[in-house]
């Protein structure tokens, strides 16, 4: 099911881009920061159109989005830039409903995919293997004004498939999971205030002080009914203790190796030993982000796209962000992002490229940053003066920039029949093992030995 989203008039979106450009180009910092609302493998190739698009051309470009706040804001920025350059090209934006991947595969089978499609790291492998997306490197090579070389490799890789050439998604932001925290709550509790140098032991010690002084407050905003089994939360605990969930050749599941078990046990201990998290199954009326906004969760671990929401909704306490706390072997965090690609059915692939490449331009990245919906992934912008002109919160926004350097991806080479950490047998098996461990149904060792056995059985039959 698709719901059409009414697009702003071309005059309005052109005005947005003009006003925003003035803000980021100003020599002095503005007194306020304006927020603008704005498994069969198939090889698909489609040569980009020769030459530039005629600015006077009139046709419609179709665009399918998953419409959440930051994706809609990013879309508005792209539409504004595109509308300023190609005022006669209409962009029809639709909001996907229901199971997104299922809908994409159905449209692909019917041959009626829109020109531009929303994608994300979890969709890259299935979409590319099914031939849904065009390889964007052909457009990159033909476009002298653009280069993938300036994008940090670890975020660009989220639009690539291991062992397969090509790049199939332009990311929206350098999205790594870092720690938002309620500064006032730590200070008023007499607990140390988090820093970029903290370890998890530092955080746990401070959390116990915060919770003792503030009954009804959870220190770590993880748990409840969702999120606790997200790979970007628990896989870094494995890696941070020297383990890894699978062998390099994806033939052996290693969740029950000594190092992996040490990391999983430490993660589970947040609930069972330290009791600094939201109990599994507890209903939160406004979700985990709502818990942080209400001051009932002292920390929240999430990507930079939440900055805009927190700036708008948090009015009664000071908040900031720091890097993910370090684990015994290394400081590491999960990394993932959404972005946009061009479908195999695009009737106007060159125009689609002109639209989405704005995301990876310096102007697009500055606008994303100054609207607090993302962090630049261009290497050339690491020391951009725009950072110094930003108005807090967050004061320490560069934690996301530094944190991007410690980001890891989920293992992304499992046989299709076994699923992945996102879906299928592996996802469900690990979720079950984690829940059994946290609820005390099984020990961590037993739960993950059982999980390894189930995953290994699938890997052995998929060779």
Protein backbone atom coordinates (compact mmCIF):
# COMPACT_ATOMS: atom_id res chain seq x y z
CA UNK A 1 0.00 0.00 0.00
CA UNK A 2 1.28 3.46 -0.87
CA UNK A 3 0.13 6.75 0.55
CA UNK A 4 0.80 9.86 -1.49
CA UNK A 5 2.43 12.71 0.33
CA UNK A 6 1.46 16.19 -0.80
CA UNK A 7 4.54 17.98 -2.01
CA UNK A 8 5.21 21.62 -1.25
CA UNK A 9 4.92 24.02 -4.14
CA UNK A 10 8.04 24.68 -6.19
CA UNK A 11 8.09 28.26 -4.96
CA UNK A 12 8.15 27.12 -1.35
CA UNK A 13 10.93 24.57 -1.75
CA UNK A 14 13.09 27.00 -3.71
CA UNK A 15 12.62 29.50 -0.90
CA UNK A 16 13.70 26.90 1.64
CA UNK A 17 16.97 26.14 -0.13
CA UNK A 18 17.73 29.81 -0.63
CA UNK A 19 17.10 30.70 3.01
CA UNK A 20 19.06 27.72 4.28
CA UNK A 21 22.03 28.49 2.06
CA UNK A 22 22.17 31.99 3.47
CA UNK A 23 22.28 30.56 7.00
CA UNK A 24 25.18 28.20 6.39
CA UNK A 25 27.12 30.74 4.34
CA UNK A 26 26.96 33.47 6.97
CA UNK A 27 30.36 34.53 8.30
CA UNK A 28 29.14 34.96 11.87
CA UNK A 29 27.12 32.47 13.87
CA UNK A 30 23.41 33.31 13.87
CA UNK A 31 21.77 33.99 17.20
CA UNK A 32 19.31 31.18 16.55
CA UNK A 33 19.42 28.14 14.31
CA UNK A 34 16.43 27.81 12.04
CA UNK A 35 15.14 24.30 11.52
CA UNK A 36 13.77 23.70 8.05
CA UNK A 37 10.73 21.40 7.86
CA UNK A 38 11.21 20.16 4.93
CA UNK A 39 17.34 -15.44 -3.83
CA UNK A 40 18.27 -15.15 -7.37
CA UNK A 41 21.00 -12.76 -8.21
CA UNK A 42 20.25 -10.45 -11.08
CA UNK A 43 22.74 -8.14 -12.74
CA UNK A 44 21.17 -4.88 -13.85
CA UNK A 45 22.90 -2.19 -15.87
CA UNK A 46 21.50 0.96 -17.38
CA UNK A 47 23.82 3.47 -18.93
CA UNK A 48 23.23 7.00 -17.69
CA UNK A 49 21.80 9.36 -20.21
CA UNK A 50 24.26 11.18 -22.36
CA UNK A 51 24.66 14.85 -21.54
CA UNK A 52 22.93 17.06 -19.05
CA UNK A 53 19.19 17.24 -18.54
CA UNK A 54 17.49 20.09 -20.35
CA UNK A 55 16.51 22.56 -17.57
CA UNK A 56 13.30 23.29 -19.48
CA UNK A 57 12.32 19.61 -19.71
CA UNK A 58 8.86 18.70 -18.40
CA UNK A 59 8.12 15.24 -17.03
CA UNK A 60 7.36 13.50 -13.75
CA UNK A 61 9.89 11.77 -11.52
CA UNK A 62 8.47 9.21 -9.08
CA UNK A 63 9.92 8.78 -5.60
CA UNK A 64 9.05 6.20 -2.92
CA UNK A 65 9.98 7.07 0.65
CA UNK A 66 9.54 5.58 4.10
CA UNK A 67 8.23 8.72 5.70
CA UNK A 68 9.69 9.23 9.16
CA UNK A 69 10.75 12.71 10.40
CA UNK A 70 14.40 12.76 9.33
CA UNK A 71 13.75 11.06 5.97
CA UNK A 72 11.04 13.59 5.17
CA UNK A 73 13.34 16.46 6.15
CA UNK A 74 16.11 15.05 3.96
CA UNK A 75 13.64 14.61 1.11
CA UNK A 76 12.53 18.23 1.41
CA UNK A 77 16.15 19.38 1.09
CA UNK A 78 16.65 17.27 -2.04
CA UNK A 79 13.40 18.49 -3.58
CA UNK A 80 14.34 22.09 -2.89
CA UNK A 81 17.72 21.80 -4.59
CA UNK A 82 16.31 19.83 -7.51
CA UNK A 83 13.35 22.19 -7.92
CA UNK A 84 15.64 25.21 -8.06
CA UNK A 85 17.59 23.66 -10.94
CA UNK A 86 14.76 21.88 -12.75
CA UNK A 87 11.56 23.83 -11.96
CA UNK A 88 9.53 22.11 -14.66
CA UNK A 89 10.16 18.54 -13.50
CA UNK A 90 7.47 17.35 -11.10
CA UNK A 91 8.59 14.97 -8.35
CA UNK A 92 5.77 12.79 -7.05
CA UNK A 93 6.62 11.57 -3.55
CA UNK A 94 4.76 8.57 -2.13
CA UNK A 95 4.99 7.22 1.42
CA UNK A 96 5.26 3.44 1.66
CA UNK A 97 2.94 1.58 4.01
CA UNK A 98 3.12 -1.96 5.36
CA UNK A 99 6.02 -4.35 4.70
CA UNK A 100 8.40 -2.21 2.67
CA UNK A 101 10.62 -4.95 1.22
CA UNK A 102 7.61 -7.06 0.26
CA UNK A 103 6.10 -4.09 -1.56
CA UNK A 104 9.34 -3.37 -3.41
CA UNK A 105 9.68 -6.97 -4.59
CA UNK A 106 6.06 -6.98 -5.78
CA UNK A 107 6.57 -3.77 -7.77
CA UNK A 108 9.84 -5.10 -9.17
CA UNK A 109 8.11 -8.26 -10.37
CA UNK A 110 5.46 -6.13 -12.07
CA UNK A 111 8.09 -3.86 -13.61
CA UNK A 112 6.63 -0.67 -12.17
CA UNK A 113 9.09 0.49 -9.53
CA UNK A 114 9.36 4.27 -9.08
CA UNK A 115 12.43 6.15 -10.30
CA UNK A 116 13.88 6.77 -6.82
CA UNK A 117 13.48 4.34 -3.93
CA UNK A 118 14.26 4.52 -0.24
CA UNK A 119 16.86 1.99 0.83
CA UNK A 120 18.89 1.18 3.94
CA UNK A 121 21.75 -1.07 5.01
CA UNK A 122 19.33 -3.90 5.85
CA UNK A 123 17.86 -3.77 2.32
CA UNK A 124 21.10 -3.52 0.34
CA UNK A 125 21.86 -7.23 -0.04
CA UNK A 126 18.32 -8.45 -0.84
CA UNK A 127 17.58 -5.52 -3.16
CA UNK A 128 20.85 -5.88 -5.08
CA UNK A 129 20.64 -9.66 -5.35
CA UNK A 130 17.09 -9.32 -6.69
CA UNK A 131 18.18 -6.75 -9.26
CA UNK A 132 16.00 -3.99 -7.82
CA UNK A 133 18.62 -1.22 -7.88
CA UNK A 134 20.95 0.23 -10.49
CA UNK A 135 24.68 0.47 -9.85
CA UNK A 136 25.33 4.16 -9.13
CA UNK A 137 29.02 3.96 -9.98
CA UNK A 138 28.19 4.29 -13.67
CA UNK A 139 26.62 7.69 -12.92
CA UNK A 140 29.50 8.66 -10.64
CA UNK A 141 32.08 7.95 -13.35
CA UNK A 142 30.16 9.97 -15.94
CA UNK A 143 29.61 12.96 -13.63
CA UNK A 144 32.58 15.32 -13.38
CA UNK A 145 30.88 17.27 -10.58
CA UNK A 146 30.65 14.27 -8.27
CA UNK A 147 32.89 11.60 -6.72
CA UNK A 148 32.28 8.73 -4.32
CA UNK A 149 35.95 9.00 -3.32
CA UNK A 150 35.18 11.74 -0.79
CA UNK A 151 32.73 9.58 1.18
CA UNK A 152 34.04 7.66 4.19
CA UNK A 153 34.38 4.04 3.01
CA UNK A 154 32.65 2.54 6.04
CA UNK A 155 29.39 4.41 5.38
CA UNK A 156 29.55 4.02 1.59
CA UNK A 157 29.95 0.28 2.16
CA UNK A 158 26.40 0.14 3.51
CA UNK A 159 25.22 0.55 -0.08
CA UNK A 160 27.52 -2.19 -1.35
CA UNK A 161 27.45 -6.00 -1.32
CA UNK A 162 30.58 -7.92 -0.24
CA UNK A 163 32.13 -9.72 -3.20
CA UNK A 164 29.96 -7.89 -5.72
CA UNK A 165 31.06 -4.75 -7.58
CA UNK A 166 29.01 -1.58 -7.44
CA UNK A 167 27.45 0.99 -5.12
CA UNK A 168 23.67 0.98 -4.92
CA UNK A 169 22.70 3.63 -2.37
CA UNK A 170 23.70 7.19 -1.54
CA UNK A 171 23.57 7.41 2.25
CA UNK A 172 21.70 10.15 4.06
CA UNK A 173 24.10 10.61 6.96
CA UNK A 174 27.20 9.24 8.69
CA UNK A 175 24.99 7.34 11.10
CA UNK A 176 26.65 5.67 14.06
CA UNK A 177 25.07 4.90 17.42
CA UNK A 178 26.34 7.19 20.18
CA UNK A 179 25.12 8.12 23.65
CA UNK A 180 22.61 10.92 24.24
CA UNK A 181 22.46 11.84 27.92
CA UNK A 182 20.47 14.02 30.30
CA UNK A 183 23.18 16.29 31.69
CA UNK A 184 20.97 17.81 34.37
CA UNK A 185 20.01 14.40 35.72
CA UNK A 186 23.63 13.32 36.17
CA UNK A 187 24.62 16.63 37.78
CA UNK A 188 21.65 16.81 40.16
CA UNK A 189 22.28 13.22 41.23
CA UNK A 190 25.87 13.99 42.14
CA UNK A 191 27.10 11.52 39.53
CA UNK A 192 30.00 12.27 37.17
CA UNK A 193 28.92 13.75 33.83
CA UNK A 194 29.67 11.46 30.84
CA UNK A 195 32.65 12.23 28.59
CA UNK A 196 34.01 10.86 25.31
CA UNK A 197 36.66 8.98 27.32
CA UNK A 198 34.25 6.95 29.45
CA UNK A 199 34.21 3.16 29.64
CA UNK A 200 31.10 1.08 30.22
CA UNK A 201 32.28 0.53 33.78
CA UNK A 202 32.28 4.31 34.26
CA UNK A 203 28.73 4.55 32.95
CA UNK A 204 27.41 1.65 35.03
CA UNK A 205 28.91 3.14 38.21
CA UNK A 206 27.34 6.53 37.48
CA UNK A 207 24.03 4.89 36.52
CA UNK A 208 23.68 3.30 39.94
CA UNK A 209 24.03 6.74 41.54
CA UNK A 210 21.47 8.27 39.16
CA UNK A 211 18.93 5.52 39.81
CA UNK A 212 19.43 5.59 43.57
CA UNK A 213 18.79 9.35 43.65
CA UNK A 214 15.90 9.22 41.19
CA UNK A 215 13.43 6.37 41.81
CA UNK A 216 11.48 5.52 38.68
CA UNK A 217 14.29 6.59 36.34
CA UNK A 218 16.10 4.08 34.14
CA UNK A 219 19.68 5.01 33.41
CA UNK A 220 20.21 3.10 30.16
CA UNK A 221 17.32 3.66 27.76
CA UNK A 222 17.47 0.15 26.33
CA UNK A 223 14.93 -2.62 26.85
CA UNK A 224 11.17 -2.55 27.07
CA UNK A 225 9.43 -4.18 24.15
CA UNK A 226 11.84 -3.39 21.32
CA UNK A 227 15.41 -2.45 20.49
CA UNK A 228 17.27 -4.63 22.99
CA UNK A 229 17.93 -7.26 20.29
CA UNK A 230 19.15 -4.75 17.69
CA UNK A 231 22.48 -5.92 16.30
CA UNK A 232 23.89 -2.37 16.62
CA UNK A 233 23.50 -2.69 20.40
CA UNK A 234 24.70 -6.22 21.18
CA UNK A 235 27.18 -7.13 18.42
CA UNK A 236 29.57 -4.31 19.52
CA UNK A 237 29.67 -5.95 22.97
CA UNK A 238 30.92 -9.14 21.31
CA UNK A 239 33.51 -7.29 19.21
CA UNK A 240 34.49 -5.11 22.18
CA UNK A 241 35.42 -8.26 24.11
CA UNK A 242 37.50 -9.67 21.24
CA UNK A 243 34.89 -11.94 19.69
CA UNK A 244 32.91 -12.09 16.47
CA UNK A 245 29.63 -13.87 15.68
CA UNK A 246 30.78 -15.81 12.61
CA UNK A 247 33.97 -16.96 10.89
CA UNK A 248 35.37 -14.89 8.06
CA UNK A 249 34.17 -17.39 5.45
CA UNK A 250 30.68 -17.51 7.03
CA UNK A 251 30.92 -21.28 7.48
CA UNK A 252 31.12 -21.39 11.28
CA UNK A 253 28.84 -19.63 13.78
CA UNK A 254 30.87 -18.38 16.75
CA UNK A 255 28.38 -16.81 19.16
CA UNK A 256 29.52 -19.38 21.74
CA UNK A 257 33.26 -18.75 21.48
CA UNK A 258 34.79 -17.67 24.84
CA UNK A 259 35.26 -14.09 23.65
CA UNK A 260 31.76 -13.81 22.20
CA UNK A 261 30.22 -15.27 25.34
CA UNK A 262 32.13 -12.77 27.50
CA UNK A 263 30.68 -9.90 25.49
CA UNK A 264 27.13 -11.27 25.51
CA UNK A 265 27.32 -11.94 29.25
CA UNK A 266 28.43 -8.35 29.92
CA UNK A 267 25.53 -7.08 27.80
CA UNK A 268 23.01 -9.29 29.59
CA UNK A 269 24.45 -8.18 32.94
CA UNK A 270 23.05 -4.70 32.29
CA UNK A 271 19.64 -6.25 33.10
CA UNK A 272 20.43 -9.17 35.38
CA UNK A 273 23.34 -7.92 37.50
CA UNK A 274 23.49 -4.13 37.34
CA UNK A 275 19.76 -3.52 36.71
CA UNK A 276 20.37 -0.19 34.96
CA UNK A 277 18.13 -0.82 31.94
CA UNK A 278 14.40 -0.96 31.18
CA UNK A 279 13.05 -4.42 32.08
CA UNK A 280 12.33 -6.60 29.05
CA UNK A 281 8.65 -6.45 28.14
CA UNK A 282 7.86 -3.24 29.99
CA UNK A 283 5.46 -1.10 27.99
CA UNK A 284 6.60 2.47 27.38
CA UNK A 285 3.69 4.60 26.12
CA UNK A 286 5.96 6.88 24.09
CA UNK A 287 8.74 4.41 23.35
CA UNK A 288 12.37 4.60 24.40
CA UNK A 289 12.91 8.00 22.77
CA UNK A 290 9.85 9.24 24.64
CA UNK A 291 11.37 7.92 27.86
CA UNK A 292 14.44 10.10 27.26
CA UNK A 293 12.37 13.13 26.26
CA UNK A 294 10.31 12.80 29.46
CA UNK A 295 13.44 12.64 31.62
CA UNK A 296 12.67 9.08 32.70
CA UNK A 297 15.68 7.57 30.90
CA UNK A 298 19.05 9.17 31.67
CA UNK A 299 20.71 7.98 28.46
CA UNK A 300 19.61 6.88 25.01
CA UNK A 301 21.80 5.20 22.40
CA UNK A 302 20.87 6.21 18.87
CA UNK A 303 21.99 7.77 15.57
CA UNK A 304 22.25 11.56 14.94
CA UNK A 305 18.84 11.76 13.26
CA UNK A 306 17.23 12.10 16.71
CA UNK A 307 18.91 15.48 17.32
CA UNK A 308 16.16 17.40 15.55
CA UNK A 309 13.40 15.71 17.53
CA UNK A 310 15.18 16.22 20.85
CA UNK A 311 15.86 19.90 20.08
CA UNK A 312 12.18 20.45 19.37
CA UNK A 313 10.68 18.40 22.19
CA UNK A 314 13.08 18.71 25.14
CA UNK A 315 12.57 22.05 26.86
CA UNK A 316 13.07 21.34 30.56
CA UNK A 317 16.58 19.89 30.82
CA UNK A 318 20.01 20.14 29.21
CA UNK A 319 21.11 17.23 27.07
CA UNK A 320 24.22 16.40 25.10
CA UNK A 321 25.93 13.51 23.34
CA UNK A 322 29.20 11.60 23.83
CA UNK A 323 30.92 8.72 22.09
CA UNK A 324 29.85 5.18 22.89
CA UNK A 325 31.62 4.08 26.10
CA UNK A 326 34.63 1.80 25.60
CA UNK A 327 34.61 -1.96 26.19
CA UNK A 328 37.61 -3.97 27.49
CA UNK A 329 39.25 -4.68 24.13
CA UNK A 330 38.18 -1.62 22.13
CA UNK A 331 35.72 1.23 21.73
CA UNK A 332 33.22 0.17 19.10
CA UNK A 333 29.65 0.92 18.07
CA UNK A 334 27.07 -0.09 15.51
CA UNK A 335 26.76 1.79 12.26
CA UNK A 336 23.93 1.86 9.78
CA UNK A 337 22.04 4.32 7.65
CA UNK A 338 19.25 4.83 5.19
CA UNK A 339 19.56 6.48 1.81
CA UNK A 340 18.24 6.45 -1.74
CA UNK A 341 18.88 4.52 -4.91
CA UNK A 342 17.66 4.36 -8.50
CA UNK A 343 15.39 1.49 -9.47
CA UNK A 344 15.82 -0.84 -12.43
CA UNK A 345 12.50 0.41 -13.80
CA UNK A 346 13.40 4.10 -13.76
CA UNK A 347 12.21 5.88 -16.88
CA UNK A 348 14.43 8.84 -16.09
CA UNK A 349 17.58 7.47 -14.42
CA UNK A 350 19.69 10.53 -15.17
CA UNK A 351 17.14 12.84 -13.57
CA UNK A 352 16.90 10.46 -10.61
CA UNK A 353 20.68 10.70 -10.25
CA UNK A 354 20.56 14.49 -10.34
CA UNK A 355 18.02 14.38 -7.51
CA UNK A 356 19.73 11.96 -5.11
CA UNK A 357 23.34 13.05 -5.64
CA UNK A 358 22.54 16.28 -3.77
CA UNK A 359 22.61 14.18 -0.60
CA UNK A 360 26.35 13.66 -1.02
CA UNK A 361 27.21 17.22 -2.02
CA UNK A 362 28.90 19.61 0.45
CA UNK A 363 25.81 21.85 0.34
CA UNK A 364 23.48 18.94 1.00
CA UNK A 365 25.61 17.68 3.86
CA UNK A 366 25.86 21.14 5.45
CA UNK A 367 22.10 21.57 5.24
CA UNK A 368 21.57 18.18 6.83
CA UNK A 369 23.90 19.15 9.67
CA UNK A 370 22.49 22.64 10.25
CA UNK A 371 19.00 21.16 10.38
CA UNK A 372 20.20 18.54 12.88
CA UNK A 373 19.02 15.59 10.82
CA UNK A 374 22.41 14.06 10.04
CA UNK A 375 26.19 14.27 10.26
CA UNK A 376 28.40 14.80 7.18
CA UNK A 377 30.06 11.72 5.70
CA UNK A 378 32.38 13.66 3.37
CA UNK A 379 36.05 13.40 4.35
CA UNK A 380 36.63 16.91 3.05
CA UNK A 381 34.18 18.28 5.64
CA UNK A 382 35.86 16.88 8.77
CA UNK A 383 37.08 20.35 9.77
CA UNK A 384 34.39 22.38 8.05
CA UNK A 385 33.74 25.72 9.82
CA UNK A 386 30.01 24.95 9.81
CA UNK A 387 30.52 22.94 13.01
CA UNK A 388 31.66 26.05 14.87
CA UNK A 389 28.53 27.95 13.85
CA UNK A 390 26.07 25.38 15.18
CA UNK A 391 23.99 26.31 18.19
CA UNK A 392 23.69 23.66 20.93
CA UNK A 393 22.26 21.31 21.88
CA UNK A 394 24.11 19.14 21.38
CA UNK A 395 27.25 20.92 22.49
CA UNK A 396 29.44 17.94 21.60
CA UNK A 397 28.00 17.19 18.16
CA UNK A 398 31.43 16.08 16.94
CA UNK A 399 31.00 12.96 19.05
CA UNK A 400 29.09 11.64 16.04
CA UNK A 401 31.97 12.58 13.76
CA UNK A 402 34.56 10.88 15.97
CA UNK A 403 32.20 8.02 16.64
CA UNK A 404 31.83 7.27 12.96
CA UNK A 405 35.45 6.15 12.95
CA UNK A 406 34.69 3.36 15.45
CA UNK A 407 31.55 2.14 13.71
CA UNK A 408 31.15 -1.46 12.59
CA UNK A 409 28.65 -3.23 10.34
CA UNK A 410 26.78 -6.45 10.98
CA UNK A 411 28.21 -9.59 9.34
CA UNK A 412 26.72 -9.41 5.87
CA UNK A 413 27.62 -12.62 4.08
CA UNK A 414 25.34 -15.30 5.49
CA UNK A 415 23.70 -17.70 2.99
CA UNK A 416 20.28 -16.29 2.04
CA UNK A 417 18.42 -19.36 3.34
CA UNK A 418 19.77 -18.70 6.86
CA UNK A 419 18.72 -15.07 6.96
CA UNK A 420 20.80 -12.39 8.66
CA UNK A 421 21.01 -10.38 11.86
CA UNK A 422 18.12 -8.34 10.42
CA UNK A 423 15.67 -11.09 9.54
CA UNK A 424 15.07 -14.79 9.10
CA UNK A 425 16.40 -17.75 11.08
CA UNK A 426 19.53 -16.05 12.41
CA UNK A 427 17.67 -12.98 13.61
CA UNK A 428 14.98 -15.01 15.37
CA UNK A 429 17.45 -17.48 16.86
CA UNK A 430 19.60 -14.75 18.39
CA UNK A 431 16.58 -12.83 19.65
CA UNK A 432 15.34 -15.96 21.40
CA UNK A 433 18.76 -16.65 22.94
CA UNK A 434 19.06 -13.07 24.20
CA UNK A 435 15.59 -13.09 25.70
CA UNK A 436 16.18 -16.47 27.38
CA UNK A 437 19.42 -15.11 28.85
CA UNK A 438 17.95 -11.84 30.11
CA UNK A 439 14.88 -13.54 31.60
CA UNK A 440 17.03 -16.23 33.23
CA UNK A 441 15.42 -19.11 31.36
CA UNK A 442 18.90 -20.29 30.34
CA UNK A 443 22.44 -19.25 31.12
CA UNK A 444 24.14 -17.15 28.47
CA UNK A 445 26.45 -20.05 27.69
CA UNK A 446 23.64 -22.56 27.22
CA UNK A 447 21.40 -20.17 25.27
CA UNK A 448 24.12 -19.29 22.79
CA UNK A 449 25.50 -22.80 22.45
CA UNK A 450 21.97 -23.78 21.45
CA UNK A 451 21.76 -20.78 19.12
CA UNK A 452 25.09 -21.65 17.51
CA UNK A 453 23.93 -25.23 16.95
CA UNK A 454 20.77 -24.07 15.20
CA UNK A 455 22.59 -21.53 13.04
CA UNK A 456 25.37 -24.01 12.27
CA UNK A 457 22.85 -26.57 11.08
CA UNK A 458 21.62 -24.06 8.52
CA UNK A 459 25.14 -23.01 7.48
CA UNK A 460 26.15 -26.66 6.96
CA UNK A 461 23.23 -27.34 4.64
CA UNK A 462 23.76 -24.09 2.74
CA UNK A 463 27.35 -24.83 1.70
